[in-house]
């Protein structure tokens, strides 16, 4: 079994808080992580109808069964649980007593903020990172294979075809989880909307355009965007606010948490197809940004990633804001280093008055340039900046 990078952070949270919440998409390994770190705790799945009815109808009696603590899987399924947990935690001094997992960030956060704020440590767990995949594969993946396979654990644990597993994942998600989060009546339109989102990876989020192509109103699209965000399907990268006397775009850029899922939605059948696919550049950018997100989530660090773009089209793919010190990053899918890699840095250095930054690219060489720029391969640990 692979050791998840987040294990150490989970153990640390358990030493600091009375309860822990591990949140992430379905099949990202939350339950496995919780049971690995806490092998002596009783495990209770609240997806199980009998457990859920017991917890809903007699919450006090349900919790009394687990006076020594427990792992409650998919805790958002029983909102009544949280108010009673508050009293139990307030009357106890034990740290790390309860572990809650959940695949719906909106419902879980809403219940935690109402009842358990200050009593619970929070950790996001996404599918495998490049670093984690490197521990379990016997050969180094090509960049196309990494993008196509994505990072969901069952694909690697069970040697399942990514295309087959991910198409079933999408079907299950649409039919089950979407209806749990929000009553989506027109599932056909919603499926079309999700596929349209996959075709807009790396682009500014244009709600009106999505509404026109999906055939629903803009308010519905905004609601559906929230559904995809809260269930860890898409990630909206926000623009950085620093304007350097320029007018900036205010819309976020759209990415998927898993490029394998995006490939499946785009109808890509194998990794070989990616080599000539028009979406390769955007999918590569998505892969790198998601890996940077995973690095921060696994260490429970603040999310300090942005992009920068002015109204004239000048931009940086990623800006890492380290407390006011801005570190620019460009992402290039090309495997050969060319002058094109550095074009945006020249403008950035001119307006910001700073040098340095990094290019993460599809090749294999590390280079340290004289102007402070670093060239980093996509699968290098140094790319986890």
Protein backbone atom coordinates (compact mmCIF):
# COMPACT_ATOMS: atom_id res chain seq x y z
CA UNK A 1 0.00 0.00 0.00
CA UNK A 2 1.34 3.43 -0.93
CA UNK A 3 2.22 5.84 1.86
CA UNK A 4 0.33 9.06 1.24
CA UNK A 5 2.26 12.30 1.59
CA UNK A 6 -0.54 13.68 3.78
CA UNK A 7 -0.10 11.00 6.46
CA UNK A 8 2.24 13.10 8.58
CA UNK A 9 -0.10 16.07 8.48
CA UNK A 10 -3.06 13.90 9.55
CA UNK A 11 -1.04 12.63 12.53
CA UNK A 12 -0.10 16.20 13.45
CA UNK A 13 -3.74 17.36 13.28
CA UNK A 14 -4.73 14.43 15.50
CA UNK A 15 -2.29 15.66 18.13
CA UNK A 16 -3.76 19.17 18.05
CA UNK A 17 -7.53 18.82 17.57
CA UNK A 18 -10.25 16.70 19.15
CA UNK A 19 -11.61 15.75 15.71
CA UNK A 20 -10.27 15.69 12.15
CA UNK A 21 -12.04 16.12 8.83
CA UNK A 22 -10.47 14.57 5.71
CA UNK A 23 -12.24 15.99 2.68
CA UNK A 24 -11.83 15.29 -1.03
CA UNK A 25 -13.43 13.77 -4.12
CA UNK A 26 -14.88 10.29 -4.10
CA UNK A 27 -12.27 7.56 -4.56
CA UNK A 28 -9.35 9.84 -3.68
CA UNK A 29 -8.23 7.57 -0.82
CA UNK A 30 -9.78 9.34 2.20
CA UNK A 31 -11.08 6.18 3.86
CA UNK A 32 -7.85 4.27 3.23
CA UNK A 33 -5.81 7.11 4.70
CA UNK A 34 -8.00 7.37 7.79
CA UNK A 35 -7.97 3.62 8.44
CA UNK A 36 -4.21 3.42 7.85
CA UNK A 37 -3.36 6.22 10.27
CA UNK A 38 -5.97 5.12 12.86
CA UNK A 39 -6.09 1.29 12.59
CA UNK A 40 -7.57 0.88 16.08
CA UNK A 41 -10.55 3.15 15.59
CA UNK A 42 -13.91 1.67 14.67
CA UNK A 43 -14.93 2.40 11.11
CA UNK A 44 -18.54 3.40 10.35
CA UNK A 45 -19.77 4.07 6.83
CA UNK A 46 -22.68 6.49 6.79
CA UNK A 47 -23.37 5.47 3.19
CA UNK A 48 -24.72 2.27 4.78
CA UNK A 49 -28.48 2.77 5.10
CA UNK A 50 -28.78 1.03 8.50
CA UNK A 51 -25.99 3.13 10.01
CA UNK A 52 -27.42 6.30 8.49
CA UNK A 53 -30.93 5.67 9.81
CA UNK A 54 -29.58 4.91 13.29
CA UNK A 55 -27.44 8.06 13.28
CA UNK A 56 -30.32 10.20 11.99
CA UNK A 57 -33.15 8.89 14.18
CA UNK A 58 -31.23 8.41 17.45
CA UNK A 59 -28.06 10.46 17.16
CA UNK A 60 -27.33 10.43 20.88
CA UNK A 61 -27.67 6.65 21.07
CA UNK A 62 -25.58 6.25 17.92
CA UNK A 63 -22.67 8.28 19.32
CA UNK A 64 -22.89 6.42 22.66
CA UNK A 65 -21.82 3.30 20.75
CA UNK A 66 -18.48 4.94 19.98
CA UNK A 67 -17.35 6.40 23.28
CA UNK A 68 -13.75 5.49 22.42
CA UNK A 69 -13.93 7.41 19.14
CA UNK A 70 -14.49 6.32 15.55
CA UNK A 71 -14.04 7.06 11.84
CA UNK A 72 -17.30 8.33 10.35
CA UNK A 73 -17.12 7.95 6.57
CA UNK A 74 -19.18 10.36 4.39
CA UNK A 75 -20.22 12.29 7.48
CA UNK A 76 -22.09 14.94 5.48
CA UNK A 77 -24.81 12.34 4.91
CA UNK A 78 -25.99 12.84 8.52
CA UNK A 79 -26.14 16.59 9.31
CA UNK A 80 -27.72 15.84 12.70
CA UNK A 81 -24.44 14.28 13.81
CA UNK A 82 -22.53 17.54 14.08
CA UNK A 83 -24.53 19.26 16.83
CA UNK A 84 -24.31 16.18 19.04
CA UNK A 85 -20.61 15.80 18.30
CA UNK A 86 -20.08 19.34 19.56
CA UNK A 87 -21.32 18.39 23.01
CA UNK A 88 -19.31 15.15 23.07
CA UNK A 89 -16.09 16.96 22.12
CA UNK A 90 -16.66 19.78 24.61
CA UNK A 91 -17.00 17.25 27.43
CA UNK A 92 -13.80 15.41 26.49
CA UNK A 93 -10.14 16.41 26.44
CA UNK A 94 -8.89 13.59 24.20
CA UNK A 95 -7.23 14.68 20.96
CA UNK A 96 -7.95 13.00 17.62
CA UNK A 97 -10.98 11.15 18.97
CA UNK A 98 -13.19 11.31 15.88
CA UNK A 99 -12.23 11.29 12.22
CA UNK A 100 -14.79 12.50 9.69
CA UNK A 101 -14.43 11.99 5.96
CA UNK A 102 -16.54 13.60 3.27
CA UNK A 103 -16.76 14.04 -0.48
CA UNK A 104 -19.02 17.09 -0.42
CA UNK A 105 -17.07 20.11 0.71
CA UNK A 106 -20.04 22.47 0.79
CA UNK A 107 -22.24 20.32 3.03
CA UNK A 108 -19.35 19.31 5.30
CA UNK A 109 -18.02 22.85 5.73
CA UNK A 110 -21.51 24.19 6.38
CA UNK A 111 -22.10 21.68 9.19
CA UNK A 112 -18.61 22.11 10.65
CA UNK A 113 -18.80 25.91 10.69
CA UNK A 114 -22.16 25.77 12.46
CA UNK A 115 -21.23 23.23 15.13
CA UNK A 116 -17.56 22.27 15.24
CA UNK A 117 -15.60 25.44 14.44
CA UNK A 118 -12.40 25.53 16.50
CA UNK A 119 -12.76 21.89 17.51
CA UNK A 120 -11.75 20.20 14.27
CA UNK A 121 -8.66 20.09 12.06
CA UNK A 122 -9.23 20.13 8.31
CA UNK A 123 -7.30 18.41 5.51
CA UNK A 124 -8.02 18.15 1.78
CA UNK A 125 -6.99 14.92 0.09
CA UNK A 126 -6.87 14.81 -3.69
CA UNK A 127 -5.98 11.85 -5.95
CA UNK A 128 -2.32 10.78 -6.21
CA UNK A 129 0.29 13.43 -6.96
CA UNK A 130 3.20 12.89 -9.37
CA UNK A 131 5.43 12.21 -6.39
CA UNK A 132 3.05 9.56 -5.02
CA UNK A 133 2.54 7.88 -8.39
CA UNK A 134 6.33 7.63 -8.69
CA UNK A 135 6.37 5.41 -5.59
CA UNK A 136 4.06 2.78 -7.06
CA UNK A 137 4.80 2.62 -10.78
CA UNK A 138 7.60 0.36 -11.99
CA UNK A 139 8.45 2.63 -14.91
CA UNK A 140 8.45 6.36 -15.34
CA UNK A 141 5.32 7.59 -17.08
CA UNK A 142 5.58 9.79 -20.14
CA UNK A 143 3.95 13.19 -19.79
CA UNK A 144 1.10 12.02 -22.03
CA UNK A 145 0.54 8.91 -19.89
CA UNK A 146 0.52 10.99 -16.71
CA UNK A 147 -2.09 13.38 -18.12
CA UNK A 148 -4.24 10.58 -19.55
CA UNK A 149 -4.14 8.34 -16.48
CA UNK A 150 -4.75 11.09 -13.93
CA UNK A 151 -4.29 10.26 -10.27
CA UNK A 152 -7.31 8.37 -8.94
CA UNK A 153 -5.99 5.51 -6.73
CA UNK A 154 -8.21 2.65 -8.08
CA UNK A 155 -6.60 3.05 -11.52
CA UNK A 156 -3.19 2.25 -10.01
CA UNK A 157 -4.29 -0.11 -7.21
CA UNK A 158 -6.38 -2.36 -9.44
CA UNK A 159 -4.69 -1.84 -12.82
CA UNK A 160 -8.00 -0.72 -14.34
CA UNK A 161 -8.15 0.94 -17.75
CA UNK A 162 -8.36 4.71 -17.05
CA UNK A 163 -10.91 5.30 -19.78
CA UNK A 164 -13.21 2.56 -18.54
CA UNK A 165 -12.94 3.47 -14.85
CA UNK A 166 -13.29 7.22 -15.38
CA UNK A 167 -16.32 6.94 -17.68
CA UNK A 168 -18.07 4.94 -14.94
CA UNK A 169 -16.94 7.48 -12.33
CA UNK A 170 -18.57 10.28 -14.33
CA UNK A 171 -21.79 8.30 -14.72
CA UNK A 172 -21.94 7.50 -11.01
CA UNK A 173 -21.19 11.10 -10.09
CA UNK A 174 -23.90 12.53 -12.32
CA UNK A 175 -26.57 10.02 -11.32
CA UNK A 176 -25.86 9.99 -7.60
CA UNK A 177 -23.84 12.80 -6.13
CA UNK A 178 -25.24 15.67 -8.18
CA UNK A 179 -28.76 14.81 -7.04
CA UNK A 180 -27.54 14.65 -3.44
CA UNK A 181 -25.97 18.10 -3.65
CA UNK A 182 -28.58 19.81 -5.75
CA UNK A 183 -31.76 18.71 -7.44
CA UNK A 184 -30.63 18.78 -11.07
CA UNK A 185 -33.68 17.97 -13.15
CA UNK A 186 -32.10 18.07 -16.60
CA UNK A 187 -29.30 15.53 -16.33
CA UNK A 188 -28.68 15.62 -20.08
CA UNK A 189 -28.00 19.36 -19.99
CA UNK A 190 -25.79 18.90 -16.93
CA UNK A 191 -23.71 16.20 -18.66
CA UNK A 192 -23.33 18.48 -21.68
CA UNK A 193 -22.27 21.31 -19.36
CA UNK A 194 -19.57 19.17 -17.71
CA UNK A 195 -18.15 18.21 -21.12
CA UNK A 196 -18.15 21.86 -22.18
CA UNK A 197 -16.18 22.68 -19.03
CA UNK A 198 -13.57 20.09 -20.02
CA UNK A 199 -13.22 21.87 -23.35
CA UNK A 200 -12.53 25.15 -21.57
CA UNK A 201 -9.60 24.07 -19.38
CA UNK A 202 -7.16 26.92 -18.84
CA UNK A 203 -9.63 29.51 -20.13
CA UNK A 204 -11.36 32.34 -18.30
CA UNK A 205 -14.69 31.23 -16.87
CA UNK A 206 -17.37 32.72 -19.10
CA UNK A 207 -20.74 31.90 -17.56
CA UNK A 208 -22.76 33.52 -20.37
CA UNK A 209 -20.99 31.50 -23.05
CA UNK A 210 -21.53 28.25 -21.13
CA UNK A 211 -25.20 29.13 -20.65
CA UNK A 212 -25.70 29.73 -24.37
CA UNK A 213 -24.05 26.47 -25.40
CA UNK A 214 -25.72 24.39 -22.69
CA UNK A 215 -29.17 25.83 -23.31
CA UNK A 216 -29.87 26.99 -19.74
CA UNK A 217 -29.73 30.39 -18.04
CA UNK A 218 -26.62 31.95 -16.47
CA UNK A 219 -28.00 31.54 -12.95
CA UNK A 220 -28.26 27.78 -13.46
CA UNK A 221 -24.69 27.63 -14.80
CA UNK A 222 -23.41 29.50 -11.73
CA UNK A 223 -25.24 27.01 -9.53
CA UNK A 224 -23.78 24.05 -11.43
CA UNK A 225 -20.28 25.53 -11.21
CA UNK A 226 -20.72 25.55 -7.42
CA UNK A 227 -21.77 21.89 -7.54
CA UNK A 228 -18.63 20.92 -9.47
CA UNK A 229 -16.43 22.95 -7.12
CA UNK A 230 -17.90 21.55 -3.91
CA UNK A 231 -17.52 17.96 -5.15
CA UNK A 232 -13.89 18.49 -6.27
CA UNK A 233 -14.45 18.11 -10.00
CA UNK A 234 -13.26 21.58 -11.04
CA UNK A 235 -10.93 24.17 -9.53
CA UNK A 236 -11.21 27.90 -10.21
CA UNK A 237 -7.81 29.62 -10.17
CA UNK A 238 -8.31 33.22 -9.10
CA UNK A 239 -6.56 36.22 -10.68
CA UNK A 240 -3.96 38.02 -8.61
CA UNK A 241 -5.03 41.47 -7.50
CA UNK A 242 -1.76 43.39 -7.99
CA UNK A 243 -2.27 45.58 -11.03
CA UNK A 244 1.06 47.45 -11.62
CA UNK A 245 -1.12 50.29 -13.02
CA UNK A 246 -2.76 47.86 -15.47
CA UNK A 247 -6.41 46.95 -15.86
CA UNK A 248 -6.75 43.31 -14.90
CA UNK A 249 -9.22 40.59 -15.76
CA UNK A 250 -11.39 39.61 -12.81
CA UNK A 251 -12.73 36.24 -13.98
CA UNK A 252 -11.11 33.03 -12.65
CA UNK A 253 -9.63 30.35 -14.91
CA UNK A 254 -11.17 26.90 -15.03
CA UNK A 255 -9.25 23.69 -14.35
CA UNK A 256 -10.14 20.10 -13.43
CA UNK A 257 -8.78 18.48 -10.28
CA UNK A 258 -7.92 15.41 -12.37
CA UNK A 259 -6.69 15.49 -15.97
CA UNK A 260 -7.66 11.84 -16.52
CA UNK A 261 -11.27 12.79 -15.85
CA UNK A 262 -10.96 15.71 -18.28
CA UNK A 263 -9.46 13.41 -20.96
CA UNK A 264 -12.38 11.01 -20.57
CA UNK A 265 -14.88 13.86 -20.95
CA UNK A 266 -13.05 15.04 -24.07
CA UNK A 267 -13.31 11.58 -25.63
CA UNK A 268 -9.56 10.91 -25.63
CA UNK A 269 -9.12 7.12 -25.88
CA UNK A 270 -5.43 6.66 -25.08
CA UNK A 271 -2.25 8.52 -24.18
CA UNK A 272 -0.93 8.32 -27.74
CA UNK A 273 -3.79 10.51 -28.98
CA UNK A 274 -2.63 13.30 -26.70
CA UNK A 275 0.60 13.82 -28.64
CA UNK A 276 -1.28 15.49 -31.48
CA UNK A 277 -4.41 16.62 -29.64
CA UNK A 278 -5.27 20.33 -29.73
CA UNK A 279 -5.93 20.33 -25.97
CA UNK A 280 -2.49 18.98 -24.99
CA UNK A 281 -1.11 22.38 -23.95
CA UNK A 282 -4.11 23.20 -21.77
CA UNK A 283 -4.20 19.72 -20.23
CA UNK A 284 -0.48 19.91 -19.45
CA UNK A 285 -1.00 23.29 -17.79
CA UNK A 286 -3.90 21.77 -15.84
CA UNK A 287 -1.76 18.80 -14.74
CA UNK A 288 1.05 21.00 -13.42
CA UNK A 289 -1.26 23.41 -11.59
CA UNK A 290 -3.20 20.56 -9.97
CA UNK A 291 0.08 19.00 -8.82
CA UNK A 292 1.01 22.32 -7.22
CA UNK A 293 -2.37 22.35 -5.47
CA UNK A 294 -1.82 18.79 -4.21
CA UNK A 295 1.55 19.78 -2.75
CA UNK A 296 -0.11 22.49 -0.67
CA UNK A 297 -3.07 20.38 0.39
CA UNK A 298 -0.86 17.45 1.44
CA UNK A 299 1.13 19.78 3.71
CA UNK A 300 -1.96 21.76 4.79
CA UNK A 301 -0.37 24.95 3.53
CA UNK A 302 -2.30 28.07 2.47
CA UNK A 303 -3.48 28.15 -1.12
CA UNK A 304 -1.30 30.93 -2.51
CA UNK A 305 -1.63 30.20 -6.24
CA UNK A 306 -3.03 32.77 -8.67
CA UNK A 307 -2.66 33.79 -12.29
CA UNK A 308 -2.01 37.28 -13.62
CA UNK A 309 -3.44 38.78 -16.80
CA UNK A 310 -4.10 42.34 -17.92
CA UNK A 311 -6.71 43.47 -20.41
CA UNK A 312 -4.10 43.57 -23.19
CA UNK A 313 -3.49 39.84 -22.91
CA UNK A 314 -0.16 39.97 -21.07
CA UNK A 315 -0.12 37.19 -18.50
CA UNK A 316 1.72 34.76 -16.24
CA UNK A 317 0.31 31.25 -15.91
CA UNK A 318 0.87 31.10 -12.15
CA UNK A 319 1.80 33.64 -9.51
CA UNK A 320 2.88 32.20 -6.16
CA UNK A 321 2.25 34.85 -3.51
CA UNK A 322 4.58 34.25 -0.58
CA UNK A 323 3.38 37.00 1.72
CA UNK A 324 3.77 39.76 -0.83
CA UNK A 325 6.82 38.30 -2.59
CA UNK A 326 5.57 37.19 -5.98
CA UNK A 327 7.11 34.19 -7.74
CA UNK A 328 6.04 33.89 -11.40
CA UNK A 329 5.73 30.51 -13.12
CA UNK A 330 5.18 29.73 -16.78
CA UNK A 331 3.97 26.27 -17.90
CA UNK A 332 4.99 24.97 -21.33
CA UNK A 333 4.12 21.54 -22.72
CA UNK A 334 6.98 21.64 -25.24
CA UNK A 335 9.87 19.25 -24.65
CA UNK A 336 12.49 21.50 -26.25
CA UNK A 337 13.48 24.77 -24.56
CA UNK A 338 12.92 27.73 -26.89
CA UNK A 339 12.94 31.53 -26.66
CA UNK A 340 9.13 31.43 -26.57
CA UNK A 341 9.35 30.08 -23.01
CA UNK A 342 10.70 33.43 -21.78
CA UNK A 343 8.56 35.93 -23.66
CA UNK A 344 6.11 36.64 -20.83
CA UNK A 345 8.92 36.97 -18.27
CA UNK A 346 10.35 39.97 -20.12
CA UNK A 347 7.08 41.86 -19.73
CA UNK A 348 6.67 40.71 -16.12
CA UNK A 349 10.19 41.84 -15.19
CA UNK A 350 9.57 45.20 -16.85
CA UNK A 351 6.37 46.01 -14.91
CA UNK A 352 7.27 44.35 -11.59
CA UNK A 353 10.91 45.36 -11.42
CA UNK A 354 11.86 41.88 -10.25
CA UNK A 355 13.79 39.00 -11.78
CA UNK A 356 13.55 35.28 -11.27
CA UNK A 357 10.80 32.73 -11.68
CA UNK A 358 10.41 29.26 -13.10
CA UNK A 359 9.37 27.50 -16.28
CA UNK A 360 7.87 24.04 -15.80
CA UNK A 361 7.99 22.20 -19.13
CA UNK A 362 7.48 18.82 -20.79
CA UNK A 363 11.16 18.00 -21.15
CA UNK A 364 13.81 16.49 -18.88
CA UNK A 365 16.58 19.07 -18.35
CA UNK A 366 17.09 21.35 -15.35
CA UNK A 367 18.63 24.71 -16.21
CA UNK A 368 19.51 27.72 -14.04
CA UNK A 369 19.56 30.83 -16.23
CA UNK A 370 21.63 33.94 -15.47
CA UNK A 371 18.54 36.14 -15.07
CA UNK A 372 17.34 34.10 -12.10
CA UNK A 373 15.01 31.91 -14.15
CA UNK A 374 14.90 28.19 -13.47
CA UNK A 375 13.84 25.60 -16.06
CA UNK A 376 12.27 22.58 -14.36
CA UNK A 377 10.98 19.27 -15.81
CA UNK A 378 7.31 18.52 -15.14
CA UNK A 379 8.04 15.36 -13.12
CA UNK A 380 10.88 16.78 -11.01
CA UNK A 381 10.38 17.33 -7.28
CA UNK A 382 11.51 20.88 -7.95
CA UNK A 383 8.31 21.34 -9.97
CA UNK A 384 6.33 21.04 -6.73
CA UNK A 385 7.06 24.70 -5.97
